[in-house]
Amino acid sequence: FEPDLAGLGLAPELLARLDPMAHVALHA
């Protein structure tokens, strides 16, 4: 799945390096 990480209060570079666990949390 492709998490929507745009417009969040964290740097995109950091968000991209986070564990898939964080991406699942952000997406849901």
PDB file of all heavy atoms in Angstrom:
ATOM      1  N   PHE A   1       0.852  -1.184   0.000  1.00  0.00           N
ATOM      2  CA  PHE A   1       0.000   0.000   0.000  1.00  0.00           C
ATOM      3  C   PHE A   1       0.886   1.231   0.000  1.00  0.00           C
ATOM      4  O   PHE A   1       2.048   1.185   0.411  1.00  0.00           O
ATOM      5  CB  PHE A   1      -0.940   0.015   1.214  1.00  0.00           C
ATOM      6  CG  PHE A   1      -0.266   0.320   2.522  1.00  0.00           C
ATOM      7  CD1 PHE A   1      -0.317   1.594   3.072  1.00  0.00           C
ATOM      8  CD2 PHE A   1       0.436  -0.662   3.205  1.00  0.00           C
ATOM      9  CE1 PHE A   1       0.324   1.881   4.269  1.00  0.00           C
ATOM     10  CE2 PHE A   1       1.066  -0.380   4.404  1.00  0.00           C
ATOM     11  CZ  PHE A   1       1.013   0.892   4.941  1.00  0.00           C
ATOM     12  N   GLU A   2       0.352   2.334  -0.487  1.00  0.00           N
ATOM     13  CA  GLU A   2       1.080   3.588  -0.548  1.00  0.00           C
ATOM     14  C   GLU A   2       0.502   4.543   0.491  1.00  0.00           C
ATOM     15  O   GLU A   2      -0.557   5.125   0.280  1.00  0.00           O
ATOM     16  CB  GLU A   2       0.985   4.202  -1.952  1.00  0.00           C
ATOM     17  CG  GLU A   2       1.756   3.454  -3.017  1.00  0.00           C
ATOM     18  CD  GLU A   2       3.260   3.508  -2.795  1.00  0.00           C
ATOM     19  OE1 GLU A   2       3.741   4.506  -2.211  1.00  0.00           O
ATOM     20  OE2 GLU A   2       3.947   2.549  -3.187  1.00  0.00           O
ATOM     21  N   PRO A   3       1.164   4.723   1.622  1.00  0.00           N
ATOM     22  CA  PRO A   3       0.631   5.652   2.631  1.00  0.00           C
ATOM     23  C   PRO A   3       0.693   7.083   2.135  1.00  0.00           C
ATOM     24  O   PRO A   3       1.645   7.479   1.450  1.00  0.00           O
ATOM     25  CB  PRO A   3       1.562   5.429   3.826  1.00  0.00           C
ATOM     26  CG  PRO A   3       2.846   4.958   3.221  1.00  0.00           C
ATOM     27  CD  PRO A   3       2.458   4.141   2.020  1.00  0.00           C
ATOM     28  N   ASP A   4      -0.328   7.860   2.480  1.00  0.00           N
ATOM     29  CA  ASP A   4      -0.350   9.275   2.135  1.00  0.00           C
ATOM     30  C   ASP A   4       0.416  10.028   3.207  1.00  0.00           C
ATOM     31  O   ASP A   4      -0.082  10.241   4.306  1.00  0.00           O
ATOM     32  CB  ASP A   4      -1.806   9.760   2.044  1.00  0.00           C
ATOM     33  CG  ASP A   4      -1.893  11.233   1.664  1.00  0.00           C
ATOM     34  OD1 ASP A   4      -0.838  11.845   1.392  1.00  0.00           O
ATOM     35  OD2 ASP A   4      -3.015  11.771   1.643  1.00  0.00           O
ATOM     36  N   LEU A   5       1.634  10.443   2.888  1.00  0.00           N
ATOM     37  CA  LEU A   5       2.503  11.097   3.863  1.00  0.00           C
ATOM     38  C   LEU A   5       2.655  12.589   3.588  1.00  0.00           C
ATOM     39  O   LEU A   5       3.501  13.255   4.195  1.00  0.00           O
ATOM     40  CB  LEU A   5       3.885  10.431   3.856  1.00  0.00           C
ATOM     41  CG  LEU A   5       3.908   8.914   4.112  1.00  0.00           C
ATOM     42  CD1 LEU A   5       5.329   8.383   4.064  1.00  0.00           C
ATOM     43  CD2 LEU A   5       3.259   8.577   5.444  1.00  0.00           C
ATOM     44  N   ALA A   6       1.837  13.119   2.699  1.00  0.00           N
ATOM     45  CA  ALA A   6       1.954  14.537   2.335  1.00  0.00           C
ATOM     46  C   ALA A   6       1.325  15.424   3.405  1.00  0.00           C
ATOM     47  O   ALA A   6       0.332  15.065   4.033  1.00  0.00           O
ATOM     48  CB  ALA A   6       1.263  14.788   0.986  1.00  0.00           C
ATOM     49  N   GLY A   7       1.928  16.596   3.596  1.00  0.00           N
ATOM     50  CA  GLY A   7       1.344  17.610   4.460  1.00  0.00           C
ATOM     51  C   GLY A   7       1.372  17.291   5.936  1.00  0.00           C
ATOM     52  O   GLY A   7       0.596  17.879   6.704  1.00  0.00           O
ATOM     53  N   LEU A   8       2.243  16.408   6.386  1.00  0.00           N
ATOM     54  CA  LEU A   8       2.316  16.046   7.796  1.00  0.00           C
ATOM     55  C   LEU A   8       3.399  16.855   8.499  1.00  0.00           C
ATOM     56  O   LEU A   8       4.288  17.424   7.861  1.00  0.00           O
ATOM     57  CB  LEU A   8       2.588  14.546   7.942  1.00  0.00           C
ATOM     58  CG  LEU A   8       1.521  13.620   7.347  1.00  0.00           C
ATOM     59  CD1 LEU A   8       1.947  12.163   7.466  1.00  0.00           C
ATOM     60  CD2 LEU A   8       0.183  13.833   8.033  1.00  0.00           C
ATOM     61  N   GLY A   9       3.347  16.877   9.824  1.00  0.00           N
ATOM     62  CA  GLY A   9       4.252  17.701  10.603  1.00  0.00           C
ATOM     63  C   GLY A   9       5.595  17.068  10.876  1.00  0.00           C
ATOM     64  O   GLY A   9       6.199  17.346  11.923  1.00  0.00           O
ATOM     65  N   LEU A  10       6.074  16.247   9.991  1.00  0.00           N
ATOM     66  CA  LEU A  10       7.405  15.654  10.080  1.00  0.00           C
ATOM     67  C   LEU A  10       8.061  15.742   8.711  1.00  0.00           C
ATOM     68  O   LEU A  10       7.373  15.707   7.673  1.00  0.00           O
ATOM     69  CB  LEU A  10       7.330  14.187  10.520  1.00  0.00           C
ATOM     70  CG  LEU A  10       7.016  13.930  11.998  1.00  0.00           C
ATOM     71  CD1 LEU A  10       6.672  12.470  12.218  1.00  0.00           C
ATOM     72  CD2 LEU A  10       8.200  14.323  12.880  1.00  0.00           C
ATOM     73  N   ALA A  11       9.361  15.832   8.694  1.00  0.00           N
ATOM     74  CA  ALA A  11      10.085  15.954   7.428  1.00  0.00           C
ATOM     75  C   ALA A  11       9.827  14.731   6.550  1.00  0.00           C
ATOM     76  O   ALA A  11       9.898  13.593   7.029  1.00  0.00           O
ATOM     77  CB  ALA A  11      11.578  16.096   7.696  1.00  0.00           C
ATOM     78  N   PRO A  12       9.525  14.954   5.266  1.00  0.00           N
ATOM     79  CA  PRO A  12       9.286  13.811   4.364  1.00  0.00           C
ATOM     80  C   PRO A  12      10.445  12.817   4.345  1.00  0.00           C
ATOM     81  O   PRO A  12      10.224  11.611   4.229  1.00  0.00           O
ATOM     82  CB  PRO A  12       9.094  14.489   3.001  1.00  0.00           C
ATOM     83  CG  PRO A  12       8.649  15.883   3.315  1.00  0.00           C
ATOM     84  CD  PRO A  12       9.350  16.244   4.592  1.00  0.00           C
ATOM     85  N   GLU A  13      11.682  13.329   4.464  1.00  0.00           N
ATOM     86  CA  GLU A  13      12.841  12.425   4.439  1.00  0.00           C
ATOM     87  C   GLU A  13      12.822  11.476   5.637  1.00  0.00           C
ATOM     88  O   GLU A  13      13.142  10.293   5.513  1.00  0.00           O
ATOM     89  CB  GLU A  13      14.143  13.233   4.444  1.00  0.00           C
ATOM     90  CG  GLU A  13      14.314  14.177   3.266  1.00  0.00           C
ATOM     91  CD  GLU A  13      13.523  15.465   3.436  1.00  0.00           C
ATOM     92  OE1 GLU A  13      13.099  15.780   4.576  1.00  0.00           O
ATOM     93  OE2 GLU A  13      13.292  16.157   2.426  1.00  0.00           O
ATOM     94  N   LEU A  14      12.426  12.006   6.803  1.00  0.00           N
ATOM     95  CA  LEU A  14      12.333  11.156   7.991  1.00  0.00           C
ATOM     96  C   LEU A  14      11.179  10.174   7.864  1.00  0.00           C
ATOM     97  O   LEU A  14      11.327   8.984   8.169  1.00  0.00           O
ATOM     98  CB  LEU A  14      12.153  12.017   9.239  1.00  0.00           C
ATOM     99  CG  LEU A  14      11.894  11.260  10.550  1.00  0.00           C
ATOM    100  CD1 LEU A  14      13.052  10.328  10.879  1.00  0.00           C
ATOM    101  CD2 LEU A  14      11.639  12.226  11.693  1.00  0.00           C
ATOM    102  N   LEU A  15      10.028  10.655   7.418  1.00  0.00           N
ATOM    103  CA  LEU A  15       8.866   9.775   7.269  1.00  0.00           C
ATOM    104  C   LEU A  15       9.182   8.590   6.374  1.00  0.00           C
ATOM    105  O   LEU A  15       8.768   7.461   6.648  1.00  0.00           O
ATOM    106  CB  LEU A  15       7.686  10.567   6.696  1.00  0.00           C
ATOM    107  CG  LEU A  15       6.996  11.540   7.653  1.00  0.00           C
ATOM    108  CD1 LEU A  15       6.053  12.445   6.887  1.00  0.00           C
ATOM    109  CD2 LEU A  15       6.238  10.776   8.737  1.00  0.00           C
ATOM    110  N   ALA A  16       9.930   8.845   5.315  1.00  0.00           N
ATOM    111  CA  ALA A  16      10.249   7.769   4.378  1.00  0.00           C
ATOM    112  C   ALA A  16      11.152   6.716   5.004  1.00  0.00           C
ATOM    113  O   ALA A  16      11.152   5.559   4.570  1.00  0.00           O
ATOM    114  CB  ALA A  16      10.912   8.349   3.129  1.00  0.00           C
ATOM    115  N   ARG A  17      11.915   7.092   6.047  1.00  0.00           N
ATOM    116  CA  ARG A  17      12.857   6.159   6.669  1.00  0.00           C
ATOM    117  C   ARG A  17      12.259   5.430   7.861  1.00  0.00           C
ATOM    118  O   ARG A  17      12.935   4.607   8.481  1.00  0.00           O
ATOM    119  CB  ARG A  17      14.125   6.902   7.109  1.00  0.00           C
ATOM    120  CG  ARG A  17      14.930   7.512   5.987  1.00  0.00           C
ATOM    121  CD  ARG A  17      16.338   7.847   6.440  1.00  0.00           C
ATOM    122  NE  ARG A  17      16.360   8.740   7.589  1.00  0.00           N
ATOM    123  CZ  ARG A  17      16.357  10.067   7.528  1.00  0.00           C
ATOM    124  NH1 ARG A  17      16.315  10.658   6.339  1.00  0.00           N
ATOM    125  NH2 ARG A  17      16.413  10.800   8.625  1.00  0.00           N
ATOM    126  N   LEU A  18      11.013   5.730   8.194  1.00  0.00           N
ATOM    127  CA  LEU A  18      10.395   5.084   9.346  1.00  0.00           C
ATOM    128  C   LEU A  18       9.928   3.674   9.001  1.00  0.00           C
ATOM    129  O   LEU A  18       9.644   3.347   7.847  1.00  0.00           O
ATOM    130  CB  LEU A  18       9.220   5.914   9.839  1.00  0.00           C
ATOM    131  CG  LEU A  18       9.563   7.269  10.459  1.00  0.00           C
ATOM    132  CD1 LEU A  18       8.297   7.985  10.894  1.00  0.00           C
ATOM    133  CD2 LEU A  18      10.538   7.125  11.622  1.00  0.00           C
ATOM    134  N   ASP A  19       9.820   2.864  10.043  1.00  0.00           N
ATOM    135  CA  ASP A  19       9.394   1.475   9.900  1.00  0.00           C
ATOM    136  C   ASP A  19       7.996   1.391   9.283  1.00  0.00           C
ATOM    137  O   ASP A  19       7.165   2.297   9.483  1.00  0.00           O
ATOM    138  CB  ASP A  19       9.373   0.818  11.285  1.00  0.00           C
ATOM    139  CG  ASP A  19       9.249  -0.679  11.220  1.00  0.00           C
ATOM    140  OD1 ASP A  19       8.103  -1.171  11.182  1.00  0.00           O
ATOM    141  OD2 ASP A  19      10.283  -1.354  11.200  1.00  0.00           O
ATOM    142  N   PRO A  20       7.708   0.325   8.537  1.00  0.00           N
ATOM    143  CA  PRO A  20       6.341   0.140   8.026  1.00  0.00           C
ATOM    144  C   PRO A  20       5.269   0.226   9.098  1.00  0.00           C
ATOM    145  O   PRO A  20       4.130   0.611   8.817  1.00  0.00           O
ATOM    146  CB  PRO A  20       6.398  -1.264   7.406  1.00  0.00           C
ATOM    147  CG  PRO A  20       7.818  -1.429   6.985  1.00  0.00           C
ATOM    148  CD  PRO A  20       8.626  -0.709   8.021  1.00  0.00           C
ATOM    149  N   MET A  21       5.604  -0.108  10.366  1.00  0.00           N
ATOM    150  CA  MET A  21       4.654   0.027  11.455  1.00  0.00           C
ATOM    151  C   MET A  21       4.135   1.461  11.542  1.00  0.00           C
ATOM    152  O   MET A  21       2.927   1.699  11.715  1.00  0.00           O
ATOM    153  CB  MET A  21       5.314  -0.359  12.776  1.00  0.00           C
ATOM    154  CG  MET A  21       4.478  -0.068  14.019  1.00  0.00           C
ATOM    155  SD  MET A  21       5.294  -0.532  15.567  1.00  0.00           S
ATOM    156  CE  MET A  21       6.685   0.588  15.607  1.00  0.00           C
ATOM    157  N   ALA A  22       5.024   2.447  11.423  1.00  0.00           N
ATOM    158  CA  ALA A  22       4.618   3.846  11.484  1.00  0.00           C
ATOM    159  C   ALA A  22       3.768   4.219  10.283  1.00  0.00           C
ATOM    160  O   ALA A  22       2.817   5.001  10.392  1.00  0.00           O
ATOM    161  CB  ALA A  22       5.851   4.746  11.572  1.00  0.00           C
ATOM    162  N   HIS A  23       4.072   3.666   9.115  1.00  0.00           N
ATOM    163  CA  HIS A  23       3.288   3.970   7.916  1.00  0.00           C
ATOM    164  C   HIS A  23       1.868   3.415   8.027  1.00  0.00           C
ATOM    165  O   HIS A  23       0.901   4.063   7.608  1.00  0.00           O
ATOM    166  CB  HIS A  23       3.991   3.407   6.680  1.00  0.00           C
ATOM    167  CG  HIS A  23       5.287   4.086   6.378  1.00  0.00           C
ATOM    168  ND1 HIS A  23       6.222   3.565   5.503  1.00  0.00           N
ATOM    169  CD2 HIS A  23       5.823   5.245   6.851  1.00  0.00           C
ATOM    170  CE1 HIS A  23       7.259   4.375   5.429  1.00  0.00           C
ATOM    171  NE2 HIS A  23       7.053   5.399   6.244  1.00  0.00           N
ATOM    172  N   VAL A  24       1.728   2.219   8.598  1.00  0.00           N
ATOM    173  CA  VAL A  24       0.389   1.662   8.824  1.00  0.00           C
ATOM    174  C   VAL A  24      -0.396   2.575   9.763  1.00  0.00           C
ATOM    175  O   VAL A  24      -1.568   2.891   9.522  1.00  0.00           O
ATOM    176  CB  VAL A  24       0.488   0.233   9.412  1.00  0.00           C
ATOM    177  CG1 VAL A  24      -0.895  -0.262   9.840  1.00  0.00           C
ATOM    178  CG2 VAL A  24       1.086  -0.721   8.388  1.00  0.00           C
ATOM    179  N   ALA A  25       0.245   3.017  10.847  1.00  0.00           N
ATOM    180  CA  ALA A  25      -0.427   3.888  11.813  1.00  0.00           C
ATOM    181  C   ALA A  25      -0.865   5.191  11.163  1.00  0.00           C
ATOM    182  O   ALA A  25      -2.005   5.645  11.347  1.00  0.00           O
ATOM    183  CB  ALA A  25       0.500   4.165  12.994  1.00  0.00           C
ATOM    184  N   LEU A  26       0.013   5.825  10.412  1.00  0.00           N
ATOM    185  CA  LEU A  26      -0.314   7.095   9.766  1.00  0.00           C
ATOM    186  C   LEU A  26      -1.453   6.934   8.768  1.00  0.00           C
ATOM    187  O   LEU A  26      -2.365   7.765   8.687  1.00  0.00           O
ATOM    188  CB  LEU A  26       0.925   7.653   9.071  1.00  0.00           C
ATOM    189  CG  LEU A  26       2.014   8.204   9.988  1.00  0.00           C
ATOM    190  CD1 LEU A  26       3.315   8.397   9.213  1.00  0.00           C
ATOM    191  CD2 LEU A  26       1.579   9.526  10.608  1.00  0.00           C
ATOM    192  N   HIS A  27      -1.412   5.863   8.000  1.00  0.00           N
ATOM    193  CA  HIS A  27      -2.429   5.628   6.967  1.00  0.00           C
ATOM    194  C   HIS A  27      -3.812   5.443   7.589  1.00  0.00           C
ATOM    195  O   HIS A  27      -4.789   6.071   7.163  1.00  0.00           O
ATOM    196  CB  HIS A  27      -2.037   4.383   6.166  1.00  0.00           C
ATOM    197  CG  HIS A  27      -2.921   4.112   4.986  1.00  0.00           C
ATOM    198  ND1 HIS A  27      -2.704   4.670   3.745  1.00  0.00           N
ATOM    199  CD2 HIS A  27      -4.027   3.336   4.854  1.00  0.00           C
ATOM    200  CE1 HIS A  27      -3.641   4.255   2.908  1.00  0.00           C
ATOM    201  NE2 HIS A  27      -4.457   3.442   3.556  1.00  0.00           N
ATOM    202  N   ALA A  28      -3.902   4.585   8.607  1.00  0.00           N
ATOM    203  CA  ALA A  28      -5.201   4.297   9.221  1.00  0.00           C
ATOM    204  C   ALA A  28      -5.686   5.465  10.075  1.00  0.00           C
ATOM    205  O   ALA A  28      -6.879   5.801  10.074  1.00  0.00           O
ATOM    206  CB  ALA A  28      -5.110   3.024  10.057  1.00  0.00           C
TER     207      ALA A  28
END
